[in-house]
Protein backbone atom coordinates (compact mmCIF):
# COMPACT_ATOMS: atom_id res chain seq x y z
CA MET A 1 -0.54 22.56 7.31
CA GLU A 2 1.02 22.02 10.74
CA ALA A 3 -2.16 22.83 12.67
CA LYS A 4 -4.26 20.59 10.44
CA LEU A 5 -1.90 17.62 10.78
CA ASN A 6 -1.55 18.13 14.51
CA SER A 7 -5.32 18.10 14.87
CA ALA A 8 -5.73 14.96 12.75
CA PHE A 9 -2.97 13.07 14.58
CA GLU A 10 -4.17 14.13 18.02
CA ALA A 11 -7.74 13.11 17.21
CA SER A 12 -6.70 9.66 15.97
CA VAL A 13 -4.84 9.02 19.24
CA LYS A 14 -7.59 10.48 21.43
CA GLU A 15 -10.19 8.28 19.73
CA LYS A 16 -7.85 5.27 20.19
CA LYS A 17 -7.72 4.54 16.48
CA VAL A 18 -3.93 4.32 16.83
CA PRO A 19 -1.88 4.02 20.03
CA ALA A 20 0.47 6.77 18.92
CA VAL A 21 1.47 8.53 15.72
CA GLY A 22 4.49 10.53 14.72
CA ALA A 23 5.76 11.99 11.48
CA ILE A 24 8.72 13.94 10.14
CA ALA A 25 9.19 15.53 6.70
CA LEU A 26 12.35 17.35 5.60
CA ASP A 27 13.61 19.12 2.52
CA LYS A 28 17.01 18.17 1.08
CA THR A 29 18.84 20.74 3.23
CA GLY A 30 17.41 19.21 6.38
CA LYS A 31 14.91 22.01 6.94
CA VAL A 32 11.89 20.70 8.82
CA ILE A 33 8.65 20.77 6.84
CA TYR A 34 6.75 18.97 9.61
CA SER A 35 7.65 17.23 12.86
CA GLY A 36 5.24 15.96 15.48
CA ALA A 37 4.33 13.02 17.69
CA TYR A 38 1.28 12.12 19.79
CA GLY A 39 0.27 9.33 22.14
CA LYS A 40 2.16 7.08 24.53
CA THR A 41 4.35 4.01 24.22
CA SER A 42 1.32 1.86 25.07
CA ILE A 43 -2.36 2.51 24.55
CA GLU A 44 -2.69 1.53 28.20
CA GLY A 45 -0.22 4.23 29.33
CA GLY A 46 3.55 4.61 29.49
CA ALA A 47 5.90 7.38 28.48
CA ALA A 48 4.99 10.00 25.88
CA PHE A 49 5.81 9.00 22.32
CA THR A 50 8.23 11.48 20.77
CA THR A 51 10.32 11.75 17.63
CA SER A 52 13.22 10.25 19.62
CA THR A 53 11.29 7.27 21.04
CA PRO A 54 12.61 3.91 19.80
CA PHE A 55 10.33 1.54 17.89
CA LEU A 56 10.70 -1.77 16.09
CA ALA A 57 11.62 -0.75 12.55
CA TRP A 58 10.61 -3.99 10.79
CA SER A 59 11.36 -3.74 7.05
CA LEU A 60 12.86 -0.27 7.36
CA THR A 61 15.92 -2.43 8.04
CA LYS A 62 16.00 -3.51 4.38
CA LEU A 63 17.15 -0.15 3.03
CA VAL A 64 19.97 0.02 5.58
CA VAL A 65 21.25 -3.46 4.70
CA SER A 66 20.95 -2.77 0.97
CA ILE A 67 23.10 0.36 1.43
CA ALA A 68 25.63 -1.76 3.35
CA ALA A 69 25.87 -4.21 0.45
CA LEU A 70 26.34 -1.34 -2.00
CA GLN A 71 29.16 -0.01 0.20
CA LEU A 72 30.93 -3.35 -0.17
CA LYS A 73 30.39 -3.20 -3.92
CA GLU A 74 32.01 0.25 -3.99
CA GLN A 75 35.02 -1.20 -2.20
CA GLY A 76 35.34 -4.00 -4.74
CA LYS A 77 34.64 -6.65 -2.11
CA LEU A 78 31.35 -7.72 -3.66
CA GLN A 79 30.07 -8.00 -7.22
CA LEU A 80 26.39 -7.94 -8.07
CA ASP A 81 26.72 -10.93 -10.40
CA ASP A 82 28.33 -13.04 -7.66
CA LEU A 83 26.32 -16.14 -6.80
CA VAL A 84 24.77 -16.02 -3.35
CA GLU A 85 26.18 -19.49 -2.58
CA LYS A 86 29.70 -18.02 -2.67
CA TYR A 87 28.91 -16.33 0.65
CA VAL A 88 25.95 -18.32 2.00
CA PRO A 89 26.54 -22.02 1.25
CA GLN A 90 23.09 -22.96 2.57
CA ILE A 91 21.69 -21.46 -0.67
CA LYS A 92 23.90 -23.70 -2.85
CA ASP A 93 21.24 -26.01 -4.31
CA PRO A 94 17.94 -24.13 -4.35
CA LYS A 95 14.74 -26.06 -4.99
CA ILE A 96 11.60 -24.66 -6.58
CA LEU A 97 8.22 -25.44 -5.04
CA GLU A 98 6.05 -26.55 -7.97
CA GLY A 99 3.00 -27.58 -5.99
CA PHE A 100 1.85 -30.47 -3.86
CA ASN A 101 1.25 -34.17 -4.35
CA ASP A 102 -2.10 -35.84 -3.70
CA ASP A 103 -1.01 -36.71 -0.17
CA GLY A 104 -0.20 -33.05 0.55
CA SER A 105 3.57 -33.45 0.43
CA PRO A 106 5.54 -30.70 -1.36
CA LYS A 107 6.53 -31.20 -4.98
CA LEU A 108 10.07 -29.80 -5.45
CA ARG A 109 12.48 -29.62 -8.39
CA GLU A 110 16.01 -28.35 -8.91
CA ALA A 111 16.23 -24.72 -9.97
CA LYS A 112 17.74 -24.09 -13.39
CA ASN A 113 19.24 -20.77 -12.27
CA LYS A 114 21.10 -19.79 -9.14
CA PRO A 115 20.37 -16.51 -7.34
CA THR A 116 22.89 -13.67 -7.49
CA ILE A 117 23.51 -10.69 -5.24
CA LEU A 118 21.58 -8.54 -7.74
CA ASN A 119 18.65 -10.94 -7.40
CA LEU A 120 18.69 -10.45 -3.64
CA LEU A 121 18.82 -6.66 -3.91
CA THR A 122 15.90 -6.57 -6.37
CA HIS A 123 13.76 -9.33 -4.80
CA THR A 124 14.09 -11.46 -7.93
CA SER A 125 15.77 -14.41 -6.18
CA GLY A 126 12.56 -16.46 -5.96
CA LEU A 127 12.63 -16.32 -2.15
CA SER A 128 9.36 -15.26 -0.55
CA TYR A 129 7.70 -14.78 2.86
CA ASP A 130 5.31 -17.50 3.98
CA TRP A 131 2.81 -14.96 5.35
CA CYS A 132 2.19 -13.54 1.86
CA ASN A 133 2.76 -16.56 -0.38
CA LYS A 134 0.05 -19.22 -0.56
CA ASN A 135 2.33 -22.05 -1.70
CA LEU A 136 5.04 -21.34 0.87
CA PHE A 137 2.41 -21.01 3.59
CA GLN A 138 1.09 -24.46 2.64
CA TYR A 139 4.67 -25.78 2.53
CA ARG A 140 5.19 -24.68 6.13
CA LEU A 141 2.10 -26.56 7.22
CA ALA A 142 3.06 -29.66 5.21
CA THR A 143 6.52 -29.73 6.80
CA ASN A 144 5.24 -29.05 10.34
CA MET A 145 6.85 -25.62 10.68
CA ALA A 146 4.72 -22.76 11.91
CA PRO A 147 4.64 -19.82 9.47
CA GLY A 148 5.79 -16.32 10.36
CA LEU A 149 8.79 -17.26 12.53
CA TYR A 150 11.24 -14.78 11.02
CA ASN A 151 11.47 -12.67 14.19
CA THR A 152 12.73 -15.60 16.28
CA GLY A 153 16.25 -15.42 14.83
CA ALA A 154 16.24 -19.18 14.18
CA PRO A 155 17.86 -20.31 10.90
CA GLU A 156 15.13 -22.71 9.76
CA PRO A 157 12.66 -20.16 8.30
CA PHE A 158 15.47 -18.80 6.12
CA PHE A 159 17.28 -21.96 5.06
CA ASP A 160 14.29 -24.29 4.81
CA SER A 161 12.55 -22.09 2.29
CA PRO A 162 12.13 -23.31 -1.29
CA LEU A 163 11.94 -20.83 -4.14
CA ASP A 164 8.62 -19.74 -5.55
CA SER A 165 10.05 -19.12 -9.02
CA GLU A 166 13.24 -19.35 -11.05
CA PRO A 167 15.79 -16.73 -9.94
CA GLY A 168 15.79 -13.77 -12.29
CA THR A 169 12.28 -14.25 -13.67
CA LYS A 170 9.88 -12.32 -11.42
CA PHE A 171 9.64 -9.96 -8.48
CA GLU A 172 8.79 -11.79 -5.26
CA TYR A 173 8.91 -9.86 -2.00
CA GLY A 174 10.41 -11.93 0.77
CA ILE A 175 13.55 -12.94 2.63
CA SER A 176 16.05 -11.83 -0.01
CA ILE A 177 17.42 -9.00 2.14
CA ASP A 178 17.61 -11.30 5.16
CA ILE A 179 19.97 -13.48 3.12
CA LEU A 180 21.76 -10.35 1.91
CA GLY A 181 22.51 -9.57 5.55
CA LEU A 182 24.34 -12.91 5.78
CA VAL A 183 26.31 -11.94 2.67
CA VAL A 184 27.36 -8.67 4.33
CA GLU A 185 28.50 -10.66 7.36
CA ALA A 186 30.51 -13.11 5.24
CA VAL A 187 32.23 -10.38 3.22
CA SER A 188 32.94 -8.03 6.14
CA LYS A 189 33.70 -10.80 8.64
CA GLN A 190 31.55 -8.93 11.18
CA ARG A 191 28.14 -9.62 12.68
CA LEU A 192 25.59 -7.51 10.89
CA PRO A 193 24.84 -5.12 13.81
CA ALA A 194 28.58 -4.44 14.24
CA TYR A 195 29.09 -3.69 10.54
CA LEU A 196 26.10 -1.34 10.36
CA LYS A 197 27.15 0.47 13.53
CA GLU A 198 30.70 1.05 12.28
CA HIS A 199 29.88 2.01 8.70
CA ILE A 200 26.46 3.67 8.88
CA PHE A 201 25.11 4.39 12.37
CA ASP A 202 28.19 5.81 14.08
CA PRO A 203 29.25 8.01 11.13
CA LEU A 204 25.73 9.46 10.90
CA GLY A 205 25.28 9.80 14.66
CA MET A 206 22.38 7.33 14.80
CA THR A 207 22.70 6.65 18.52
CA LYS A 208 19.25 5.09 18.93
CA THR A 209 19.41 2.56 16.11
CA GLY A 210 20.45 -1.05 16.66
CA PRO A 211 19.28 -4.62 17.33
CA GLN A 212 17.71 -3.67 20.69
CA PRO A 213 15.84 -0.54 21.82
CA ALA A 214 18.13 2.21 23.11
CA LEU A 215 17.97 2.85 26.85
CA ASN A 216 16.40 6.06 28.14
CA ALA A 217 17.93 8.40 30.73
CA GLU A 218 16.81 6.06 33.52
CA GLY A 219 18.44 3.06 31.84
CA VAL A 220 15.15 1.53 30.74
CA ASP A 221 14.47 0.29 27.21
CA GLU A 222 11.09 2.00 26.98
CA PHE A 223 9.95 1.82 23.36
CA LEU A 224 6.74 2.11 21.37
CA LEU A 225 5.03 -1.24 21.74
CA VAL A 226 3.50 -3.07 18.81
CA HIS A 227 -0.30 -3.00 19.00
CA MET A 228 -2.80 -5.47 17.55
CA ARG A 229 -6.24 -4.43 16.31
CA LEU A 230 -8.95 -6.74 17.62
CA PRO A 231 -12.09 -7.69 15.65
CA ASP A 232 -14.10 -4.98 17.43
CA GLY A 233 -11.61 -2.34 16.24
CA SER A 234 -9.95 -1.77 19.61
CA LEU A 235 -6.20 -2.01 20.11
CA VAL A 236 -4.20 -4.08 22.57
CA ALA A 237 -0.48 -3.78 23.30
CA ASP A 238 1.74 -6.74 22.39
CA PRO A 239 4.89 -7.31 24.48
CA LEU A 240 6.84 -8.40 21.36
CA LYS A 241 10.57 -7.75 21.62
CA LEU A 242 13.21 -9.27 19.36
CA PRO A 243 15.79 -11.65 20.86
CA ALA A 244 19.01 -9.93 21.93
CA ASP A 245 21.41 -12.51 20.48
CA PRO A 246 19.69 -14.48 17.71
CA VAL A 247 21.40 -17.08 15.55
CA ILE A 248 20.52 -14.94 12.54
CA PHE A 249 20.10 -11.18 12.44
CA GLY A 250 17.58 -11.02 9.62
CA GLY A 251 18.75 -8.28 7.29
CA GLY A 252 15.14 -7.61 6.44
CA HIS A 253 13.74 -6.75 9.83
CA PHE A 254 15.97 -6.79 12.94
CA LEU A 255 16.51 -3.10 13.76
CA TYR A 256 15.01 -0.72 16.27
CA SER A 257 15.25 2.99 15.50
CA CYS A 258 13.55 6.34 16.12
CA MET A 259 12.23 8.99 13.73
CA GLU A 260 15.05 11.44 14.41
CA ASP A 261 17.65 8.78 13.58
CA TYR A 262 15.94 7.23 10.60
CA VAL A 263 14.58 10.35 8.90
CA SER A 264 16.79 13.25 10.02
CA LYS A 265 20.04 11.31 9.73
CA PHE A 266 19.62 8.27 7.47
CA LEU A 267 16.84 9.10 4.97
CA LEU A 268 18.14 12.65 4.61
CA THR A 269 21.51 11.17 3.65
CA VAL A 270 19.84 8.84 1.14
CA LEU A 271 17.92 11.80 -0.30
CA ASN A 272 21.26 13.59 -0.85
CA HIS A 273 22.78 10.65 -2.72
CA GLY A 274 24.79 9.31 0.19
CA THR A 275 26.07 12.47 1.90
CA HIS A 276 24.41 14.17 4.86
CA PRO A 277 23.88 17.87 3.97
CA ALA A 278 24.69 19.23 7.43
CA THR A 279 27.59 17.05 8.59
CA GLY A 280 29.12 16.19 5.22
CA VAL A 281 29.38 12.54 6.26
CA THR A 282 29.31 10.23 3.24
CA ILE A 283 28.14 6.63 3.46
CA LEU A 284 27.71 6.06 -0.29
CA GLN A 285 29.18 7.70 -3.36
CA LYS A 286 26.84 9.81 -5.48
CA LYS A 287 27.35 7.69 -8.60
CA THR A 288 26.50 4.54 -6.68
CA SER A 289 23.34 6.20 -5.42
CA GLU A 290 22.33 7.40 -8.87
CA ASP A 291 23.10 4.08 -10.54
CA TYR A 292 21.69 1.68 -7.96
CA VAL A 293 19.55 3.39 -5.31
CA PHE A 294 17.49 5.64 -7.59
CA ARG A 295 17.44 3.55 -10.76
CA GLU A 296 15.01 0.78 -11.65
CA HIS A 297 16.75 -2.62 -11.94
CA VAL A 298 14.10 -5.37 -12.05
CA VAL A 299 13.48 -4.91 -15.77
CA SER A 300 16.57 -3.03 -16.94
CA SER A 301 19.22 -5.20 -15.24
CA VAL A 302 17.55 -8.47 -14.30
CA GLY A 303 15.05 -8.71 -17.15
CA ALA A 304 12.36 -9.93 -14.76
CA SER A 305 8.65 -9.18 -14.55
CA ILE A 306 7.47 -6.34 -12.32
CA ASP A 307 4.02 -7.90 -11.90
CA GLY A 308 3.31 -7.99 -8.20
CA VAL A 309 5.55 -5.10 -7.14
CA GLY A 310 3.72 -3.46 -4.25
CA VAL A 311 0.92 -6.07 -4.19
CA VAL A 312 0.24 -7.78 -0.85
CA LYS A 313 -1.81 -10.98 -0.53
CA SER A 314 -1.95 -12.00 3.11
CA MET A 315 -2.18 -15.57 4.39
CA ILE A 316 -2.52 -14.40 8.02
CA GLY A 317 -5.31 -11.86 8.29
CA GLN A 318 -4.63 -11.05 11.93
CA VAL A 319 -1.31 -9.41 11.06
CA CYS A 320 -1.73 -8.24 7.46
CA ASN A 321 -4.51 -7.10 5.14
CA ASP A 322 -4.59 -7.53 1.37
CA GLY A 323 -3.74 -4.40 -0.57
CA GLU A 324 -1.54 -2.66 -3.09
CA LEU A 325 1.02 0.04 -2.52
CA LEU A 326 0.39 3.03 -4.80
CA PRO A 327 -2.45 1.33 -6.70
CA GLY A 328 -2.76 2.22 -10.34
CA LEU A 329 0.80 3.49 -10.68
CA LYS A 330 3.58 1.72 -12.56
CA LYS A 331 6.14 0.54 -10.01
CA SER A 332 9.42 -1.32 -9.91
CA TRP A 333 12.35 -1.89 -7.56
CA SER A 334 15.84 -0.44 -7.48
CA CYS A 335 18.71 -2.02 -5.54
CA ALA A 336 17.30 -0.36 -2.45
CA PHE A 337 13.52 0.13 -2.42
CA MET A 338 10.30 0.33 -4.42
CA MET A 339 10.18 3.07 -7.04
CA ASN A 340 7.11 4.73 -8.49
CA LEU A 341 7.75 5.24 -12.20
CA GLU A 342 4.87 7.73 -12.50
CA ASP A 343 3.92 10.75 -10.39
CA SER A 344 1.79 9.93 -7.35
CA PRO A 345 -1.50 11.82 -6.82
CA SER A 346 -0.40 12.30 -3.21
CA GLY A 347 2.61 14.36 -4.29
CA ARG A 348 5.84 12.46 -4.80
CA LYS A 349 7.39 12.55 -8.26
CA ALA A 350 8.28 9.67 -10.56
CA GLY A 351 11.65 8.25 -9.62
CA SER A 352 10.98 8.42 -5.89
CA GLY A 353 11.86 5.54 -3.60
CA ALA A 354 9.72 4.26 -0.75
CA TRP A 355 8.97 1.37 1.51
CA CYS A 356 7.44 0.54 4.85
CA GLY A 357 7.66 -1.35 8.11
CA PHE A 358 5.17 -4.07 8.99
CA GLY A 359 3.82 -2.08 11.96
CA ASN A 360 2.21 0.46 9.60
CA ILE A 361 5.32 2.60 9.23
CA TYR A 362 5.67 4.33 5.86
CA TYR A 363 8.39 6.47 4.27
CA TRP A 364 9.31 8.02 0.94
CA VAL A 365 12.38 9.71 -0.58
CA ASP A 366 11.76 12.08 -3.50
CA PRO A 367 15.00 13.30 -5.14
CA THR A 368 13.16 15.38 -7.75
CA GLU A 369 11.33 17.59 -5.24
CA GLY A 370 14.03 17.13 -2.60
CA ILE A 371 11.66 15.84 0.10
CA THR A 372 11.70 12.84 2.44
CA GLY A 373 9.10 11.89 5.02
CA MET A 374 7.96 9.09 7.31
CA LEU A 375 4.95 8.27 9.50
CA VAL A 376 5.00 5.79 12.41
CA THR A 377 2.11 4.10 14.25
CA GLU A 378 3.37 0.59 15.21
CA THR A 379 0.03 -1.13 14.72
CA LEU A 380 -1.07 -4.42 13.18
CA PRO A 381 -2.46 -5.62 10.86
CA PHE A 382 -0.25 -4.15 8.17
CA LEU A 383 -2.15 -1.98 5.66
CA ASP A 384 -4.60 -0.96 8.39
CA PRO A 385 -6.96 1.76 7.05
CA GLU A 386 -6.40 4.32 9.82
CA PRO A 387 -2.59 4.62 9.54
CA LEU A 388 -2.94 4.66 5.76
CA ARG A 389 -5.41 7.54 5.98
CA LEU A 390 -3.04 9.46 8.25
CA PHE A 391 -0.09 8.79 5.97
CA ASP A 392 -2.00 9.95 2.90
CA ASP A 393 -3.09 13.13 4.69
CA PHE A 394 0.50 13.70 5.79
CA GLU A 395 2.04 13.30 2.33
CA ARG A 396 -0.61 15.45 0.64
CA ALA A 397 -0.12 18.20 3.22
CA VAL A 398 3.67 18.13 2.83
CA TYR A 399 3.32 18.65 -0.92
CA GLY A 400 0.47 21.15 -0.59
CA HIS A 401 -2.00 18.83 -2.30
CA SER A 402 -5.70 18.72 -1.49
CA GLU A 403 -7.17 15.84 0.49
CA ALA A 404 -8.32 12.64 -1.19
CA LYS A 405 -11.58 12.96 -3.12
CA GLU A 406 -14.29 10.61 -4.31
CA GLY A 407 -12.74 7.94 -6.52
CA ASP A 408 -9.34 8.08 -4.81
CA TRP A 409 -7.86 5.08 -3.01
CA ARG A 410 -10.03 5.60 0.09
CA ASN A 411 -13.07 4.51 -1.88
CA SER A 412 -11.38 1.45 -3.38
CA THR A 413 -10.20 -1.87 -2.03
CA SER A 414 -6.56 -0.96 -2.39
CA SER A 415 -4.39 1.17 -0.18
CA PRO A 416 -1.84 3.85 -1.04
CA ALA A 417 0.89 2.77 1.36
CA ALA A 418 4.44 3.86 0.68
């Protein structure tokens, strides 16, 4: 397995299909099933990419912030049926975007329901992202706000964002966890990075995870750059770096991390229901993990529709492709991440949790088999075929499954991400 994966990863980098690629898979004791990294921090050169090299974690941040909220619930400081407006007054009077008038102006109405903390955790609040929601994308244009500004740290993309649907009625992937980050700040009376550092990162020894890339031995913040795929298939490095002191630390996307921190310390702890198997450090009680992290809640608790879970419809083709995560499988969402409710042909069992980062970063946590794994490439557009192929090869190899065959996802229009 190791030799085959090493060869595949090395070839993808050598042929410049990805700028770099790294992956780690562990069993529940922390024993390494696979660990490797290839390439450099930029396709044009730079330092070697390793399992300890920082990268922009994108939506890998969401699981961390969801765990933080569940910590506050354990402490009795937060209830899942609390209204969001109790902590974030800007969400007090949500409006639903019903469509547009003949002159192109938005048609809004008062929402009948108000979003709760549970709605945020399960993405059933009605809040969406403009880059994957046609109506919200059009709303941005109609109100003279450029879409896709979530990484700027400005408040407008979060607070000037009408709902796509009534809270509690459907799954809608979007800025719910960004708003949840503001809830964590209000309850803890700490900025989000400070709370996460004190209650998750420091206890687990995650020294390279935070709102800015960790410095190397020379005091330089050398990290894996985001790369954009051009129409001819080539890749170019993007100097994107998040602002150091934004107005809002979006709870859905603001972290940098590295594979050793995120997999070997954080995901391994999640896999073991909140306690790291080597250090014994506990960040979440086992019952909380069983009841909220590894249990479906969209249908069972919210009573909402799971249509659209894992489905991506992109409004900005340069940064995201259309696709579906785990196509053909029944999926839902817990209070932490997407769950496959049926066994995956790639290996993971029903009841596993998974998600991804926008830069084609994919992870899974399988409590039945006791395996967690992640693959990193830091390329755009999201759902790019090459990282998806590598991730599928990686997961299949970890589980000892054969490679994809005719009729599998590689010969369809959907992708198997996460």
